[in-house]
Amino acid sequence: MEIINGDSLEYMDKHKKEFNGVITSIPDMEEALSPYHRWWDNSTQIVGYKDINKYIIFFRSAVLKCLNLITDTGYCIFILTDRKCAGTIPKDYYCIDEAYKLGLSLVSHKISYVKTETNNLYRPLFSHILVFTRKGEMRCCIPDVFSCGDKTYSNGTGEEAVRHCIQHLKKYSINDICDPFLGEGMVLKVAKEENFIRCVGVDIDIKQVKIARKYLSNI
């Protein structure tokens, strides 16, 4: 298991077509614009309408680089939650658009949800699960709708969602994986439990990296 504290975008530029499996969630606006990230100069913690276009440019670029990480028969899986800011930011649309520009196919589009009766005005209580490939098999074993499962923090990825995605990769005998936006390490945790041989995670936020290393140290 390899956990790297570094610029995810730079890492992906240097490792094109190196992995058979990628599972990740692109950082939300408040994360991408925080002082812990340096994707933009003079970044700010305050997220306003003026930042939306800047974020969309970043998001599309990050999606493109993630898609380029996988081999021709590999799979890139995004777990994404829309955000509402001057209207909804349609992350699924941007992902599909970038994938089609690269000539990748959408294998499946599934949904995971949070078990709660509380409404959220700023983010819906479900996530898109998008599976892409260039030349891999077009069958997918992920259920259409399922609970996201437990999270280690509010913006984190749910364990059940990750496990379904990992099972899809295992179906095609994939045992190497990269999460270029590691967070606290849920993707690597599940991959290691499922006996993946190579597990790589990258995050620019040293606080997240320290948490992930501690979280994964006994697996």
C-alpha atoms as a PDB file:
ATOM      1  CA  MET A   1       0.000   0.000   0.000  1.00  0.00           C
ATOM      2  CA  GLU A   2       1.374   3.393  -1.025  1.00  0.00           C
ATOM      3  CA  ILE A   3       0.002   6.665   0.373  1.00  0.00           C
ATOM      4  CA  ILE A   4       1.419   9.792  -1.249  1.00  0.00           C
ATOM      5  CA  ASN A   5       1.144  13.361   0.022  1.00  0.00           C
ATOM      6  CA  GLY A   6       1.321  15.356  -3.198  1.00  0.00           C
ATOM      7  CA  ASP A   7      -0.534  17.143  -5.970  1.00  0.00           C
ATOM      8  CA  SER A   8      -3.007  14.633  -7.400  1.00  0.00           C
ATOM      9  CA  LEU A   9      -3.171  16.376 -10.772  1.00  0.00           C
ATOM     10  CA  GLU A  10       0.602  16.286 -11.181  1.00  0.00           C
ATOM     11  CA  TYR A  11       0.718  12.635 -10.114  1.00  0.00           C
ATOM     12  CA  MET A  12      -1.893  11.639 -12.693  1.00  0.00           C
ATOM     13  CA  ASP A  13      -0.017  13.415 -15.474  1.00  0.00           C
ATOM     14  CA  LYS A  14       2.993  11.197 -14.742  1.00  0.00           C
ATOM     15  CA  HIS A  15       1.112   7.875 -14.487  1.00  0.00           C
ATOM     16  CA  LYS A  16      -1.092   7.661 -17.558  1.00  0.00           C
ATOM     17  CA  LYS A  17      -2.505   4.201 -18.379  1.00  0.00           C
ATOM     18  CA  GLU A  18      -0.736   2.689 -15.363  1.00  0.00           C
ATOM     19  CA  PHE A  19      -3.697   1.235 -13.427  1.00  0.00           C
ATOM     20  CA  ASN A  20      -6.402  -1.284 -14.252  1.00  0.00           C
ATOM     21  CA  GLY A  21      -8.680   0.128 -11.563  1.00  0.00           C
ATOM     22  CA  VAL A  22      -9.420   3.660 -10.387  1.00  0.00           C
ATOM     23  CA  ILE A  23     -12.088   4.500  -7.802  1.00  0.00           C
ATOM     24  CA  THR A  24     -12.337   8.068  -6.601  1.00  0.00           C
ATOM     25  CA  SER A  25     -14.463  11.067  -5.699  1.00  0.00           C
ATOM     26  CA  ILE A  26     -13.471  14.505  -7.023  1.00  0.00           C
ATOM     27  CA  PRO A  27     -13.176  17.090  -4.188  1.00  0.00           C
ATOM     28  CA  ASP A  28     -16.121  19.435  -3.687  1.00  0.00           C
ATOM     29  CA  MET A  29     -15.758  23.203  -4.060  1.00  0.00           C
ATOM     30  CA  GLU A  30     -15.036  23.956  -0.416  1.00  0.00           C
ATOM     31  CA  GLU A  31     -12.305  21.295  -0.406  1.00  0.00           C
ATOM     32  CA  ALA A  32     -10.760  22.239  -3.742  1.00  0.00           C
ATOM     33  CA  LEU A  33     -10.639  25.930  -2.802  1.00  0.00           C
ATOM     34  CA  SER A  34      -9.287  25.454   0.714  1.00  0.00           C
ATOM     35  CA  PRO A  35      -5.812  26.690   1.753  1.00  0.00           C
ATOM     36  CA  TYR A  36      -4.651  23.058   2.012  1.00  0.00           C
ATOM     37  CA  HIS A  37      -4.902  22.712  -1.767  1.00  0.00           C
ATOM     38  CA  ARG A  38      -2.861  24.595  -4.334  1.00  0.00           C
ATOM     39  CA  TRP A  39      -4.766  23.871  -7.498  1.00  0.00           C
ATOM     40  CA  TRP A  40      -5.338  27.619  -7.814  1.00  0.00           C
ATOM     41  CA  ASP A  41      -3.290  30.600  -6.719  1.00  0.00           C
ATOM     42  CA  ASN A  42      -4.702  32.853  -3.989  1.00  0.00           C
ATOM     43  CA  SER A  43      -7.344  30.265  -3.087  1.00  0.00           C
ATOM     44  CA  THR A  44      -9.982  31.009  -0.470  1.00  0.00           C
ATOM     45  CA  GLN A  45     -12.173  29.109   1.946  1.00  0.00           C
ATOM     46  CA  ILE A  46     -15.149  31.239   0.970  1.00  0.00           C
ATOM     47  CA  VAL A  47     -17.164  29.598  -1.797  1.00  0.00           C
ATOM     48  CA  GLY A  48     -19.299  32.039  -3.762  1.00  0.00           C
ATOM     49  CA  TYR A  49     -21.020  32.207  -7.117  1.00  0.00           C
ATOM     50  CA  LYS A  50     -17.885  33.667  -8.721  1.00  0.00           C
ATOM     51  CA  ASP A  51     -16.028  30.445  -7.930  1.00  0.00           C
ATOM     52  CA  ILE A  52     -18.396  28.104  -9.786  1.00  0.00           C
ATOM     53  CA  ASN A  53     -16.849  28.417 -13.240  1.00  0.00           C
ATOM     54  CA  LYS A  54     -13.383  28.062 -11.755  1.00  0.00           C
ATOM     55  CA  TYR A  55     -14.474  24.903  -9.952  1.00  0.00           C
ATOM     56  CA  ILE A  56     -16.077  23.409 -13.062  1.00  0.00           C
ATOM     57  CA  ILE A  57     -12.825  23.905 -14.988  1.00  0.00           C
ATOM     58  CA  PHE A  58     -10.939  22.141 -12.189  1.00  0.00           C
ATOM     59  CA  PHE A  59     -13.533  19.362 -11.986  1.00  0.00           C
ATOM     60  CA  ARG A  60     -13.436  18.624 -15.723  1.00  0.00           C
ATOM     61  CA  SER A  61      -9.636  18.617 -15.703  1.00  0.00           C
ATOM     62  CA  ALA A  62      -9.549  16.221 -12.738  1.00  0.00           C
ATOM     63  CA  VAL A  63     -12.034  13.873 -14.437  1.00  0.00           C
ATOM     64  CA  LEU A  64      -9.951  13.864 -17.620  1.00  0.00           C
ATOM     65  CA  LYS A  65      -6.774  12.999 -15.727  1.00  0.00           C
ATOM     66  CA  CYS A  66      -8.504  10.220 -13.762  1.00  0.00           C
ATOM     67  CA  LEU A  67      -9.791   8.667 -16.982  1.00  0.00           C
ATOM     68  CA  ASN A  68      -6.288   8.742 -18.430  1.00  0.00           C
ATOM     69  CA  LEU A  69      -4.931   6.761 -15.455  1.00  0.00           C
ATOM     70  CA  ILE A  70      -6.550   3.510 -16.602  1.00  0.00           C
ATOM     71  CA  THR A  71      -5.329   0.986 -19.141  1.00  0.00           C
ATOM     72  CA  ASP A  72      -7.415   0.282 -22.242  1.00  0.00           C
ATOM     73  CA  THR A  73      -9.217  -2.629 -20.562  1.00  0.00           C
ATOM     74  CA  GLY A  74      -9.315  -1.026 -17.114  1.00  0.00           C
ATOM     75  CA  TYR A  75     -12.181   0.732 -15.323  1.00  0.00           C
ATOM     76  CA  CYS A  76     -12.445   4.213 -13.859  1.00  0.00           C
ATOM     77  CA  ILE A  77     -15.244   4.555 -11.301  1.00  0.00           C
ATOM     78  CA  PHE A  78     -16.423   7.909  -9.932  1.00  0.00           C
ATOM     79  CA  ILE A  79     -18.508   8.264  -6.761  1.00  0.00           C
ATOM     80  CA  LEU A  80     -19.910  11.791  -6.954  1.00  0.00           C
ATOM     81  CA  THR A  81     -22.421  13.872  -5.017  1.00  0.00           C
ATOM     82  CA  ASP A  82     -23.929  16.913  -6.740  1.00  0.00           C
ATOM     83  CA  ARG A  83     -23.849  20.293  -5.017  1.00  0.00           C
ATOM     84  CA  LYS A  84     -26.357  23.126  -5.223  1.00  0.00           C
ATOM     85  CA  CYS A  85     -24.815  26.542  -5.792  1.00  0.00           C
ATOM     86  CA  ALA A  86     -26.654  28.959  -8.127  1.00  0.00           C
ATOM     87  CA  GLY A  87     -28.417  25.830  -9.357  1.00  0.00           C
ATOM     88  CA  THR A  88     -27.184  22.249  -9.268  1.00  0.00           C
ATOM     89  CA  ILE A  89     -23.655  21.461 -10.454  1.00  0.00           C
ATOM     90  CA  PRO A  90     -24.315  18.311 -12.561  1.00  0.00           C
ATOM     91  CA  LYS A  91     -21.197  16.261 -11.893  1.00  0.00           C
ATOM     92  CA  ASP A  92     -22.515  13.207 -13.723  1.00  0.00           C
ATOM     93  CA  TYR A  93     -22.971  15.247 -16.915  1.00  0.00           C
ATOM     94  CA  TYR A  94     -19.440  16.667 -16.789  1.00  0.00           C
ATOM     95  CA  CYS A  95     -17.962  13.195 -16.227  1.00  0.00           C
ATOM     96  CA  ILE A  96     -19.855  11.621 -19.100  1.00  0.00           C
ATOM     97  CA  ASP A  97     -19.015  14.527 -21.402  1.00  0.00           C
ATOM     98  CA  GLU A  98     -15.265  14.272 -20.695  1.00  0.00           C
ATOM     99  CA  ALA A  99     -15.318  10.485 -21.068  1.00  0.00           C
ATOM    100  CA  TYR A 100     -17.049  10.624 -24.435  1.00  0.00           C
ATOM    101  CA  LYS A 101     -14.532  13.189 -25.678  1.00  0.00           C
ATOM    102  CA  LEU A 102     -11.780  10.663 -24.869  1.00  0.00           C
ATOM    103  CA  GLY A 103     -13.632   7.807 -26.552  1.00  0.00           C
ATOM    104  CA  LEU A 104     -14.493   5.933 -23.350  1.00  0.00           C
ATOM    105  CA  SER A 105     -17.816   4.187 -22.836  1.00  0.00           C
ATOM    106  CA  LEU A 106     -20.176   4.491 -19.876  1.00  0.00           C
ATOM    107  CA  VAL A 107     -20.561   0.952 -18.553  1.00  0.00           C
ATOM    108  CA  SER A 108     -23.189   1.872 -15.964  1.00  0.00           C
ATOM    109  CA  HIS A 109     -24.708   4.701 -13.953  1.00  0.00           C
ATOM    110  CA  LYS A 110     -25.862   3.611 -10.489  1.00  0.00           C
ATOM    111  CA  ILE A 111     -27.084   5.397  -7.354  1.00  0.00           C
ATOM    112  CA  SER A 112     -26.089   5.133  -3.681  1.00  0.00           C
ATOM    113  CA  TYR A 113     -28.086   6.928  -1.008  1.00  0.00           C
ATOM    114  CA  VAL A 114     -27.783   8.076   2.589  1.00  0.00           C
ATOM    115  CA  LYS A 115     -30.261   6.522   5.025  1.00  0.00           C
ATOM    116  CA  THR A 116     -31.906   9.549   6.633  1.00  0.00           C
ATOM    117  CA  GLU A 117     -35.192  11.419   6.637  1.00  0.00           C
ATOM    118  CA  THR A 118     -33.459  14.817   6.875  1.00  0.00           C
ATOM    119  CA  ASN A 119     -33.401  17.045   3.792  1.00  0.00           C
ATOM    120  CA  ASN A 120     -30.259  18.898   2.755  1.00  0.00           C
ATOM    121  CA  LEU A 121     -30.638  22.173   0.844  1.00  0.00           C
ATOM    122  CA  TYR A 122     -27.067  22.151  -0.476  1.00  0.00           C
ATOM    123  CA  ARG A 123     -26.381  18.553  -1.479  1.00  0.00           C
ATOM    124  CA  PRO A 124     -28.761  15.739  -2.375  1.00  0.00           C
ATOM    125  CA  LEU A 125     -28.675  12.648  -0.195  1.00  0.00           C
ATOM    126  CA  PHE A 126     -27.544  10.369  -3.007  1.00  0.00           C
ATOM    127  CA  SER A 127     -24.406   9.897  -5.098  1.00  0.00           C
ATOM    128  CA  HIS A 128     -23.798   8.939  -8.710  1.00  0.00           C
ATOM    129  CA  ILE A 129     -21.721   5.801  -9.343  1.00  0.00           C
ATOM    130  CA  LEU A 130     -20.288   6.109 -12.863  1.00  0.00           C
ATOM    131  CA  VAL A 131     -18.231   3.292 -14.417  1.00  0.00           C
ATOM    132  CA  PHE A 132     -16.137   3.955 -17.555  1.00  0.00           C
ATOM    133  CA  THR A 133     -13.843   1.871 -19.739  1.00  0.00           C
ATOM    134  CA  ARG A 134     -12.145   2.056 -23.129  1.00  0.00           C
ATOM    135  CA  LYS A 135     -12.159  -1.566 -24.239  1.00  0.00           C
ATOM    136  CA  GLY A 136     -13.177  -3.519 -21.133  1.00  0.00           C
ATOM    137  CA  GLU A 137     -16.270  -5.685 -20.724  1.00  0.00           C
ATOM    138  CA  MET A 138     -19.522  -3.713 -20.725  1.00  0.00           C
ATOM    139  CA  ARG A 139     -21.213  -5.745 -17.998  1.00  0.00           C
ATOM    140  CA  CYS A 140     -21.504  -4.414 -14.439  1.00  0.00           C
ATOM    141  CA  CYS A 141     -22.364  -6.264 -11.221  1.00  0.00           C
ATOM    142  CA  ILE A 142     -23.087  -3.149  -9.136  1.00  0.00           C
ATOM    143  CA  PRO A 143     -26.745  -2.930  -7.951  1.00  0.00           C
ATOM    144  CA  ASP A 144     -28.885  -0.149  -9.430  1.00  0.00           C
ATOM    145  CA  VAL A 145     -29.648   1.501  -6.061  1.00  0.00           C
ATOM    146  CA  PHE A 146     -28.109   0.829  -2.635  1.00  0.00           C
ATOM    147  CA  SER A 147     -27.121   2.465   0.650  1.00  0.00           C
ATOM    148  CA  CYS A 148     -23.738   4.205   0.668  1.00  0.00           C
ATOM    149  CA  GLY A 149     -22.889   2.663   4.044  1.00  0.00           C
ATOM    150  CA  ASP A 150     -20.740   4.066   6.852  1.00  0.00           C
ATOM    151  CA  LYS A 151     -18.406   7.043   6.332  1.00  0.00           C
ATOM    152  CA  THR A 152     -15.360   8.170   8.293  1.00  0.00           C
ATOM    153  CA  TYR A 153     -16.319  11.866   7.800  1.00  0.00           C
ATOM    154  CA  SER A 154     -19.225  13.832   6.324  1.00  0.00           C
ATOM    155  CA  ASN A 155     -17.714  14.366   2.864  1.00  0.00           C
ATOM    156  CA  GLY A 156     -16.196  10.899   2.777  1.00  0.00           C
ATOM    157  CA  THR A 157     -17.187   7.984   0.571  1.00  0.00           C
ATOM    158  CA  GLY A 158     -19.406   5.311   2.090  1.00  0.00           C
ATOM    159  CA  GLU A 159     -17.943   1.863   2.673  1.00  0.00           C
ATOM    160  CA  GLU A 160     -20.796  -0.051   1.039  1.00  0.00           C
ATOM    161  CA  ALA A 161     -20.540   2.054  -2.118  1.00  0.00           C
ATOM    162  CA  VAL A 162     -16.817   1.402  -2.331  1.00  0.00           C
ATOM    163  CA  ARG A 163     -17.244  -2.317  -1.712  1.00  0.00           C
ATOM    164  CA  HIS A 164     -19.694  -2.662  -4.615  1.00  0.00           C
ATOM    165  CA  CYS A 165     -17.210  -0.883  -6.880  1.00  0.00           C
ATOM    166  CA  ILE A 166     -14.342  -3.085  -5.685  1.00  0.00           C
ATOM    167  CA  GLN A 167     -16.421  -6.194  -6.398  1.00  0.00           C
ATOM    168  CA  HIS A 168     -16.893  -4.988  -9.968  1.00  0.00           C
ATOM    169  CA  LEU A 169     -13.116  -4.753 -10.422  1.00  0.00           C
ATOM    170  CA  LYS A 170     -12.575  -8.182  -8.848  1.00  0.00           C
ATOM    171  CA  LYS A 171     -15.044  -9.707 -11.304  1.00  0.00           C
ATOM    172  CA  TYR A 172     -12.520  -8.921 -14.045  1.00  0.00           C
ATOM    173  CA  SER A 173      -9.512 -10.114 -12.018  1.00  0.00           C
ATOM    174  CA  ILE A 174      -8.220  -6.603 -11.376  1.00  0.00           C
ATOM    175  CA  ASN A 175      -5.955  -6.407  -8.329  1.00  0.00           C
ATOM    176  CA  ASP A 176      -4.350  -2.983  -8.658  1.00  0.00           C
ATOM    177  CA  ILE A 177      -6.089   0.291  -7.836  1.00  0.00           C
ATOM    178  CA  CYS A 178      -5.480   4.014  -7.478  1.00  0.00           C
ATOM    179  CA  ASP A 179      -7.515   6.630  -5.636  1.00  0.00           C
ATOM    180  CA  PRO A 180      -6.004   9.967  -6.742  1.00  0.00           C
ATOM    181  CA  PHE A 181      -8.136  11.902  -4.226  1.00  0.00           C
ATOM    182  CA  LEU A 182      -7.589   9.689  -1.207  1.00  0.00           C
ATOM    183  CA  GLY A 183      -9.358  11.560   1.600  1.00  0.00           C
ATOM    184  CA  GLU A 184      -9.219   9.387   4.720  1.00  0.00           C
ATOM    185  CA  GLY A 185      -8.593   6.202   2.760  1.00  0.00           C
ATOM    186  CA  MET A 186     -11.861   4.281   2.422  1.00  0.00           C
ATOM    187  CA  VAL A 187     -11.065   3.023  -1.096  1.00  0.00           C
ATOM    188  CA  LEU A 188      -7.669   1.671  -0.079  1.00  0.00           C
ATOM    189  CA  LYS A 189      -9.130   0.137   3.090  1.00  0.00           C
ATOM    190  CA  VAL A 190     -11.673  -1.931   1.177  1.00  0.00           C
ATOM    191  CA  ALA A 191      -9.208  -2.805  -1.598  1.00  0.00           C
ATOM    192  CA  LYS A 192      -6.681  -4.096   0.922  1.00  0.00           C
ATOM    193  CA  GLU A 193      -9.365  -6.135   2.704  1.00  0.00           C
ATOM    194  CA  GLU A 194     -10.235  -7.636  -0.691  1.00  0.00           C
ATOM    195  CA  ASN A 195      -6.578  -8.637  -1.210  1.00  0.00           C
ATOM    196  CA  PHE A 196      -5.642  -6.194  -3.944  1.00  0.00           C
ATOM    197  CA  ILE A 197      -1.911  -6.432  -4.603  1.00  0.00           C
ATOM    198  CA  ARG A 198      -1.183  -2.795  -5.467  1.00  0.00           C
ATOM    199  CA  CYS A 199      -3.071   0.028  -3.715  1.00  0.00           C
ATOM    200  CA  VAL A 200      -2.054   3.650  -4.309  1.00  0.00           C
ATOM    201  CA  GLY A 201      -3.655   6.756  -2.820  1.00  0.00           C
ATOM    202  CA  VAL A 202      -2.739  10.411  -3.348  1.00  0.00           C
ATOM    203  CA  ASP A 203      -3.874  13.541  -1.520  1.00  0.00           C
ATOM    204  CA  ILE A 204      -2.507  17.065  -1.333  1.00  0.00           C
ATOM    205  CA  ASP A 205      -3.925  17.666   2.160  1.00  0.00           C
ATOM    206  CA  ILE A 206      -1.330  16.499   4.692  1.00  0.00           C
ATOM    207  CA  LYS A 207      -3.965  16.315   7.433  1.00  0.00           C
ATOM    208  CA  GLN A 208      -6.006  13.852   5.374  1.00  0.00           C
ATOM    209  CA  VAL A 209      -2.898  11.845   4.546  1.00  0.00           C
ATOM    210  CA  LYS A 210      -1.953  11.535   8.221  1.00  0.00           C
ATOM    211  CA  ILE A 211      -5.466  10.361   9.088  1.00  0.00           C
ATOM    212  CA  ALA A 212      -5.437   7.862   6.201  1.00  0.00           C
ATOM    213  CA  ARG A 213      -2.059   6.447   7.222  1.00  0.00           C
ATOM    214  CA  LYS A 214      -3.259   5.943  10.786  1.00  0.00           C
ATOM    215  CA  TYR A 215      -6.596   4.535   9.618  1.00  0.00           C
ATOM    216  CA  LEU A 216      -4.919   2.042   7.275  1.00  0.00           C
ATOM    217  CA  SER A 217      -1.913   1.119   9.414  1.00  0.00           C
ATOM    218  CA  ASN A 218      -3.440  -2.036  10.890  1.00  0.00           C
ATOM    219  CA  ILE A 219      -4.994  -3.446   7.707  1.00  0.00           C
END
